[in-house]
N, C-alpha and C. Protein backbone atom coordinates (compact mmCIF):
# COMPACT_ATOMS: atom_id res chain seq x y z
N MET A 1 5.01 11.00 5.84
CA MET A 1 3.62 11.43 5.93
C MET A 1 2.72 10.19 5.88
N GLU A 2 1.91 10.05 6.88
CA GLU A 2 1.00 8.93 6.93
C GLU A 2 -0.18 9.19 6.00
N LEU A 3 -0.54 8.18 5.22
CA LEU A 3 -1.64 8.30 4.26
C LEU A 3 -2.93 7.69 4.77
N ARG A 4 -2.83 6.81 5.75
CA ARG A 4 -3.99 6.14 6.33
C ARG A 4 -4.98 7.18 6.85
N ASN A 5 -6.23 7.02 6.53
CA ASN A 5 -7.32 7.91 6.93
C ASN A 5 -7.25 9.28 6.28
N GLN A 6 -6.34 9.45 5.34
CA GLN A 6 -6.27 10.69 4.57
C GLN A 6 -6.45 10.40 3.08
N MET A 7 -5.54 9.59 2.53
CA MET A 7 -5.62 9.22 1.12
C MET A 7 -6.46 7.96 0.92
N TYR A 8 -6.47 7.12 1.95
CA TYR A 8 -7.25 5.89 1.88
C TYR A 8 -7.83 5.57 3.26
N GLN A 9 -8.85 4.75 3.25
CA GLN A 9 -9.53 4.31 4.47
C GLN A 9 -9.61 2.79 4.44
N VAL A 10 -9.18 2.13 5.50
CA VAL A 10 -9.27 0.68 5.58
C VAL A 10 -10.75 0.28 5.71
N VAL A 11 -11.17 -0.60 4.82
CA VAL A 11 -12.55 -1.09 4.82
C VAL A 11 -12.61 -2.39 5.62
N SER A 12 -11.63 -3.26 5.40
CA SER A 12 -11.60 -4.53 6.14
C SER A 12 -10.18 -5.09 6.14
N ARG A 13 -9.93 -5.94 7.13
CA ARG A 13 -8.65 -6.65 7.20
C ARG A 13 -8.91 -8.05 7.71
N GLU A 14 -8.53 -9.01 6.91
CA GLU A 14 -8.63 -10.42 7.26
C GLU A 14 -7.25 -11.02 7.14
N ASP A 15 -6.63 -11.35 8.25
CA ASP A 15 -5.31 -11.95 8.26
C ASP A 15 -4.35 -11.07 7.44
N LYS A 16 -3.94 -11.51 6.27
CA LYS A 16 -2.98 -10.76 5.46
C LYS A 16 -3.62 -10.19 4.20
N ARG A 17 -4.90 -9.91 4.26
CA ARG A 17 -5.63 -9.29 3.15
C ARG A 17 -6.29 -8.02 3.67
N VAL A 18 -5.91 -6.88 3.06
CA VAL A 18 -6.44 -5.59 3.51
C VAL A 18 -7.17 -4.94 2.34
N THR A 19 -8.40 -4.53 2.57
CA THR A 19 -9.20 -3.84 1.56
C THR A 19 -9.37 -2.39 1.98
N VAL A 20 -9.14 -1.48 1.01
CA VAL A 20 -9.23 -0.06 1.31
C VAL A 20 -10.05 0.66 0.23
N SER A 21 -10.63 1.79 0.62
CA SER A 21 -11.26 2.67 -0.36
C SER A 21 -10.38 3.91 -0.46
N LEU A 22 -10.19 4.37 -1.69
CA LEU A 22 -9.38 5.56 -1.92
C LEU A 22 -10.25 6.80 -1.80
N ARG A 23 -9.66 7.86 -1.31
CA ARG A 23 -10.37 9.14 -1.19
C ARG A 23 -9.97 10.00 -2.38
N ALA A 24 -10.83 10.00 -3.39
CA ALA A 24 -10.54 10.67 -4.66
C ALA A 24 -10.30 12.17 -4.50
N GLU A 25 -10.78 12.76 -3.40
CA GLU A 25 -10.64 14.21 -3.20
C GLU A 25 -9.28 14.58 -2.60
N HIS A 26 -8.44 13.60 -2.27
CA HIS A 26 -7.15 13.90 -1.65
C HIS A 26 -6.30 14.77 -2.57
N PHE A 27 -5.58 15.74 -2.00
CA PHE A 27 -4.84 16.72 -2.79
C PHE A 27 -3.78 16.10 -3.71
N ILE A 28 -3.22 14.96 -3.36
CA ILE A 28 -2.21 14.34 -4.22
C ILE A 28 -2.81 13.95 -5.56
N PHE A 29 -4.06 13.48 -5.56
CA PHE A 29 -4.70 13.09 -6.81
C PHE A 29 -4.98 14.29 -7.71
N LYS A 30 -5.14 15.45 -7.12
CA LYS A 30 -5.37 16.66 -7.92
C LYS A 30 -4.10 17.07 -8.67
N ALA A 31 -2.94 16.72 -8.11
CA ALA A 31 -1.66 17.09 -8.72
C ALA A 31 -1.07 15.98 -9.58
N HIS A 32 -1.50 14.75 -9.37
CA HIS A 32 -0.86 13.60 -10.04
C HIS A 32 -1.91 12.77 -10.76
N PHE A 33 -2.39 13.05 -11.82
CA PHE A 33 -2.16 14.14 -12.75
C PHE A 33 -3.48 14.85 -12.97
N PRO A 34 -3.48 16.18 -13.09
CA PRO A 34 -4.74 16.92 -13.26
C PRO A 34 -5.54 16.40 -14.46
N GLY A 35 -6.80 16.09 -14.21
CA GLY A 35 -7.68 15.61 -15.27
C GLY A 35 -7.59 14.11 -15.51
N ASN A 36 -6.52 13.48 -15.06
CA ASN A 36 -6.34 12.04 -15.23
C ASN A 36 -5.57 11.49 -14.03
N PRO A 37 -6.17 11.56 -12.83
CA PRO A 37 -5.43 11.20 -11.61
C PRO A 37 -5.09 9.71 -11.52
N VAL A 38 -3.89 9.45 -11.03
CA VAL A 38 -3.46 8.09 -10.72
C VAL A 38 -2.72 8.12 -9.38
N MET A 39 -2.73 7.00 -8.70
CA MET A 39 -2.05 6.91 -7.42
C MET A 39 -0.55 6.81 -7.66
N PRO A 40 0.24 7.72 -7.10
CA PRO A 40 1.69 7.67 -7.29
C PRO A 40 2.28 6.39 -6.69
N GLY A 41 3.30 5.86 -7.36
CA GLY A 41 3.94 4.64 -6.89
C GLY A 41 4.46 4.76 -5.47
N VAL A 42 5.02 5.91 -5.13
CA VAL A 42 5.54 6.10 -3.77
C VAL A 42 4.41 6.02 -2.74
N CYS A 43 3.21 6.42 -3.11
CA CYS A 43 2.07 6.33 -2.19
C CYS A 43 1.61 4.89 -2.04
N ILE A 44 1.69 4.11 -3.13
CA ILE A 44 1.35 2.69 -3.04
C ILE A 44 2.31 2.01 -2.07
N LEU A 45 3.60 2.33 -2.20
CA LEU A 45 4.61 1.76 -1.32
C LEU A 45 4.40 2.18 0.13
N GLN A 46 4.06 3.44 0.37
CA GLN A 46 3.77 3.92 1.73
C GLN A 46 2.57 3.20 2.32
N MET A 47 1.53 3.01 1.50
CA MET A 47 0.33 2.32 1.95
C MET A 47 0.66 0.88 2.34
N ILE A 48 1.46 0.19 1.54
CA ILE A 48 1.88 -1.18 1.85
C ILE A 48 2.61 -1.20 3.19
N GLY A 49 3.51 -0.26 3.41
CA GLY A 49 4.25 -0.18 4.67
C GLY A 49 3.33 0.05 5.86
N GLU A 50 2.35 0.93 5.71
CA GLU A 50 1.42 1.20 6.80
C GLU A 50 0.58 -0.04 7.13
N MET A 51 0.22 -0.79 6.10
CA MET A 51 -0.55 -2.01 6.32
C MET A 51 0.30 -3.06 7.04
N MET A 52 1.57 -3.16 6.65
CA MET A 52 2.47 -4.10 7.33
C MET A 52 2.65 -3.71 8.79
N GLU A 53 2.74 -2.40 9.07
CA GLU A 53 2.82 -1.94 10.46
C GLU A 53 1.63 -2.43 11.27
N ASP A 54 0.44 -2.30 10.69
CA ASP A 54 -0.78 -2.73 11.38
C ASP A 54 -0.78 -4.24 11.64
N ILE A 55 -0.29 -5.00 10.67
CA ILE A 55 -0.30 -6.45 10.80
C ILE A 55 0.71 -6.94 11.83
N VAL A 56 1.95 -6.39 11.81
CA VAL A 56 2.97 -6.87 12.75
C VAL A 56 2.98 -6.12 14.07
N GLY A 57 2.33 -4.96 14.11
CA GLY A 57 2.19 -4.22 15.36
C GLY A 57 3.40 -3.41 15.79
N VAL A 58 4.28 -3.08 14.85
CA VAL A 58 5.44 -2.23 15.15
C VAL A 58 5.60 -1.19 14.04
N ARG A 59 6.29 -0.10 14.38
CA ARG A 59 6.59 0.94 13.39
C ARG A 59 7.68 0.43 12.46
N LEU A 60 7.55 0.76 11.17
CA LEU A 60 8.49 0.29 10.17
C LEU A 60 9.02 1.43 9.32
N GLU A 61 10.23 1.23 8.81
CA GLU A 61 10.86 2.19 7.89
C GLU A 61 11.40 1.40 6.71
N LEU A 62 11.12 1.86 5.50
CA LEU A 62 11.57 1.15 4.31
C LEU A 62 13.08 0.99 4.31
N SER A 63 13.53 -0.22 4.06
CA SER A 63 14.95 -0.52 4.03
C SER A 63 15.41 -0.90 2.62
N LYS A 64 14.59 -1.72 1.93
CA LYS A 64 15.03 -2.24 0.64
C LYS A 64 13.83 -2.64 -0.21
N ILE A 65 13.90 -2.30 -1.48
CA ILE A 65 12.91 -2.77 -2.44
C ILE A 65 13.57 -3.92 -3.20
N VAL A 66 13.08 -5.12 -2.98
CA VAL A 66 13.63 -6.29 -3.66
C VAL A 66 13.07 -6.35 -5.07
N ASN A 67 11.75 -6.16 -5.19
CA ASN A 67 11.08 -6.19 -6.48
C ASN A 67 9.80 -5.37 -6.37
N LEU A 68 9.57 -4.49 -7.33
CA LEU A 68 8.38 -3.65 -7.33
C LEU A 68 7.97 -3.40 -8.77
N LYS A 69 6.82 -3.95 -9.16
CA LYS A 69 6.34 -3.81 -10.53
C LYS A 69 4.97 -3.15 -10.53
N PHE A 70 4.88 -2.01 -11.20
CA PHE A 70 3.61 -1.32 -11.37
C PHE A 70 3.05 -1.79 -12.71
N ILE A 71 2.08 -2.68 -12.66
CA ILE A 71 1.57 -3.32 -13.86
C ILE A 71 0.57 -2.43 -14.59
N SER A 72 -0.31 -1.80 -13.84
CA SER A 72 -1.24 -0.84 -14.42
C SER A 72 -1.61 0.19 -13.36
N PRO A 73 -1.99 1.40 -13.79
CA PRO A 73 -2.26 2.47 -12.82
C PRO A 73 -3.51 2.22 -11.99
N ILE A 74 -3.50 2.82 -10.80
CA ILE A 74 -4.67 2.80 -9.93
C ILE A 74 -5.30 4.18 -10.01
N ALA A 75 -6.49 4.24 -10.58
CA ALA A 75 -7.21 5.50 -10.72
C ALA A 75 -8.16 5.67 -9.54
N PRO A 76 -8.11 6.84 -8.89
CA PRO A 76 -8.95 7.07 -7.71
C PRO A 76 -10.36 7.53 -8.07
N THR A 77 -11.06 6.71 -8.84
CA THR A 77 -12.43 7.07 -9.20
C THR A 77 -13.33 6.91 -7.99
N GLU A 78 -14.45 7.56 -8.01
CA GLU A 78 -15.39 7.51 -6.89
C GLU A 78 -15.78 6.07 -6.59
N GLY A 79 -15.61 5.68 -5.34
CA GLY A 79 -16.01 4.36 -4.91
C GLY A 79 -15.01 3.25 -5.20
N VAL A 80 -13.82 3.58 -5.72
CA VAL A 80 -12.85 2.53 -6.03
C VAL A 80 -12.36 1.88 -4.73
N VAL A 81 -12.34 0.56 -4.75
CA VAL A 81 -11.87 -0.22 -3.62
C VAL A 81 -10.74 -1.10 -4.13
N ILE A 82 -9.60 -1.05 -3.46
CA ILE A 82 -8.49 -1.89 -3.84
C ILE A 82 -8.13 -2.81 -2.68
N ARG A 83 -7.40 -3.87 -3.02
CA ARG A 83 -7.06 -4.87 -2.02
C ARG A 83 -5.57 -5.15 -2.08
N VAL A 84 -4.97 -5.29 -0.92
CA VAL A 84 -3.57 -5.69 -0.84
C VAL A 84 -3.56 -7.08 -0.23
N ASP A 85 -3.06 -8.04 -1.02
CA ASP A 85 -2.94 -9.42 -0.56
C ASP A 85 -1.47 -9.70 -0.29
N PHE A 86 -1.15 -9.95 0.96
CA PHE A 86 0.22 -10.30 1.33
C PHE A 86 0.36 -11.82 1.21
N ALA A 87 1.22 -12.27 0.31
CA ALA A 87 1.50 -13.70 0.20
C ALA A 87 2.28 -14.14 1.42
N SER A 88 3.15 -13.24 1.91
CA SER A 88 3.91 -13.53 3.13
C SER A 88 4.37 -12.25 3.80
N ILE A 89 4.45 -12.32 5.10
CA ILE A 89 5.08 -11.28 5.92
C ILE A 89 5.94 -12.04 6.93
N GLU A 90 7.26 -11.84 6.82
CA GLU A 90 8.18 -12.59 7.67
C GLU A 90 9.05 -11.64 8.47
N GLU A 91 9.17 -11.92 9.76
CA GLU A 91 10.02 -11.13 10.65
C GLU A 91 11.31 -11.90 10.90
N SER A 92 12.43 -11.19 10.82
CA SER A 92 13.73 -11.78 11.11
C SER A 92 14.58 -10.70 11.77
N GLY A 93 14.77 -10.83 13.08
CA GLY A 93 15.51 -9.81 13.81
C GLY A 93 14.78 -8.49 13.75
N ASP A 94 15.46 -7.45 13.26
CA ASP A 94 14.83 -6.13 13.16
C ASP A 94 14.27 -5.85 11.78
N GLU A 95 14.17 -6.89 10.93
CA GLU A 95 13.63 -6.71 9.58
C GLU A 95 12.29 -7.43 9.41
N VAL A 96 11.45 -6.82 8.56
CA VAL A 96 10.17 -7.42 8.21
C VAL A 96 10.08 -7.40 6.69
N THR A 97 9.92 -8.59 6.09
CA THR A 97 9.83 -8.71 4.64
C THR A 97 8.39 -8.99 4.25
N GLY A 98 7.90 -8.25 3.27
CA GLY A 98 6.54 -8.46 2.78
C GLY A 98 6.54 -8.70 1.29
N LYS A 99 5.75 -9.68 0.86
CA LYS A 99 5.58 -10.00 -0.55
C LYS A 99 4.10 -10.10 -0.84
N GLY A 100 3.69 -9.59 -2.01
CA GLY A 100 2.29 -9.70 -2.35
C GLY A 100 1.89 -8.92 -3.58
N THR A 101 0.58 -8.65 -3.67
CA THR A 101 0.02 -7.95 -4.81
C THR A 101 -1.01 -6.92 -4.36
N VAL A 102 -1.18 -5.90 -5.20
CA VAL A 102 -2.24 -4.91 -5.02
C VAL A 102 -3.21 -5.13 -6.18
N LEU A 103 -4.48 -5.27 -5.85
CA LEU A 103 -5.47 -5.59 -6.87
C LEU A 103 -6.65 -4.63 -6.85
N ASP A 104 -7.25 -4.45 -8.02
CA ASP A 104 -8.53 -3.76 -8.17
C ASP A 104 -9.47 -4.83 -8.70
N GLY A 105 -10.33 -5.34 -7.83
CA GLY A 105 -11.12 -6.51 -8.19
C GLY A 105 -10.18 -7.69 -8.30
N GLU A 106 -10.14 -8.32 -9.46
CA GLU A 106 -9.21 -9.43 -9.69
C GLU A 106 -8.04 -9.01 -10.58
N VAL A 107 -7.97 -7.72 -10.90
CA VAL A 107 -6.91 -7.20 -11.77
C VAL A 107 -5.71 -6.80 -10.93
N ILE A 108 -4.57 -7.43 -11.19
CA ILE A 108 -3.34 -7.10 -10.46
C ILE A 108 -2.82 -5.75 -10.95
N LYS A 109 -2.61 -4.85 -10.01
CA LYS A 109 -2.10 -3.51 -10.31
C LYS A 109 -0.62 -3.38 -9.99
N THR A 110 -0.19 -4.03 -8.91
CA THR A 110 1.20 -3.94 -8.45
C THR A 110 1.61 -5.26 -7.82
N LYS A 111 2.87 -5.65 -8.07
CA LYS A 111 3.48 -6.80 -7.39
C LYS A 111 4.66 -6.24 -6.60
N PHE A 112 4.86 -6.77 -5.39
CA PHE A 112 5.94 -6.22 -4.56
C PHE A 112 6.62 -7.26 -3.70
N SER A 113 7.87 -6.97 -3.40
CA SER A 113 8.66 -7.69 -2.41
C SER A 113 9.55 -6.63 -1.78
N VAL A 114 9.29 -6.32 -0.50
CA VAL A 114 9.96 -5.20 0.17
C VAL A 114 10.45 -5.60 1.55
N VAL A 115 11.46 -4.89 2.01
CA VAL A 115 12.02 -5.14 3.34
C VAL A 115 11.94 -3.84 4.14
N PHE A 116 11.40 -3.93 5.34
CA PHE A 116 11.32 -2.79 6.25
C PHE A 116 12.12 -3.10 7.50
N LYS A 117 12.65 -2.07 8.13
CA LYS A 117 13.32 -2.22 9.42
C LYS A 117 12.38 -1.75 10.51
N LYS A 118 12.40 -2.45 11.63
CA LYS A 118 11.61 -2.01 12.79
C LYS A 118 12.26 -0.75 13.33
N THR A 119 11.44 0.20 13.72
CA THR A 119 11.93 1.48 14.22
C THR A 119 11.07 1.97 15.36
N GLU A 120 11.54 2.98 16.06
CA GLU A 120 10.78 3.58 17.15
C GLU A 120 10.50 5.04 16.87
N ARG A 121 10.11 5.35 15.67
CA ARG A 121 9.87 6.73 15.24
C ARG A 121 9.14 7.53 16.27
């Protein structure tokens, strides 16, 4: 399930830095968790993959999580803007490796190192 333009909206993209606004009204936030919504880890991972697709220009499918640390929750409060900073995105054959951080302002929320395979979904 694609989350782009549903759960989040891209505000800007500069090279390997993507800024998005979360849509607090999205149904996932109502269920995870009622009264105290946080962005599910699997949705953070999906969002990272969608951003990598946009940057490299091919469809991707998650292959391997090398390292994934959820340091603090991302709350979808009204007007929250988060940023994904890719330290690197490297293509090797049919694989694309991405490393970076997800931030709210200057606060690191997630650190990641993931491998995706190119696909023709």
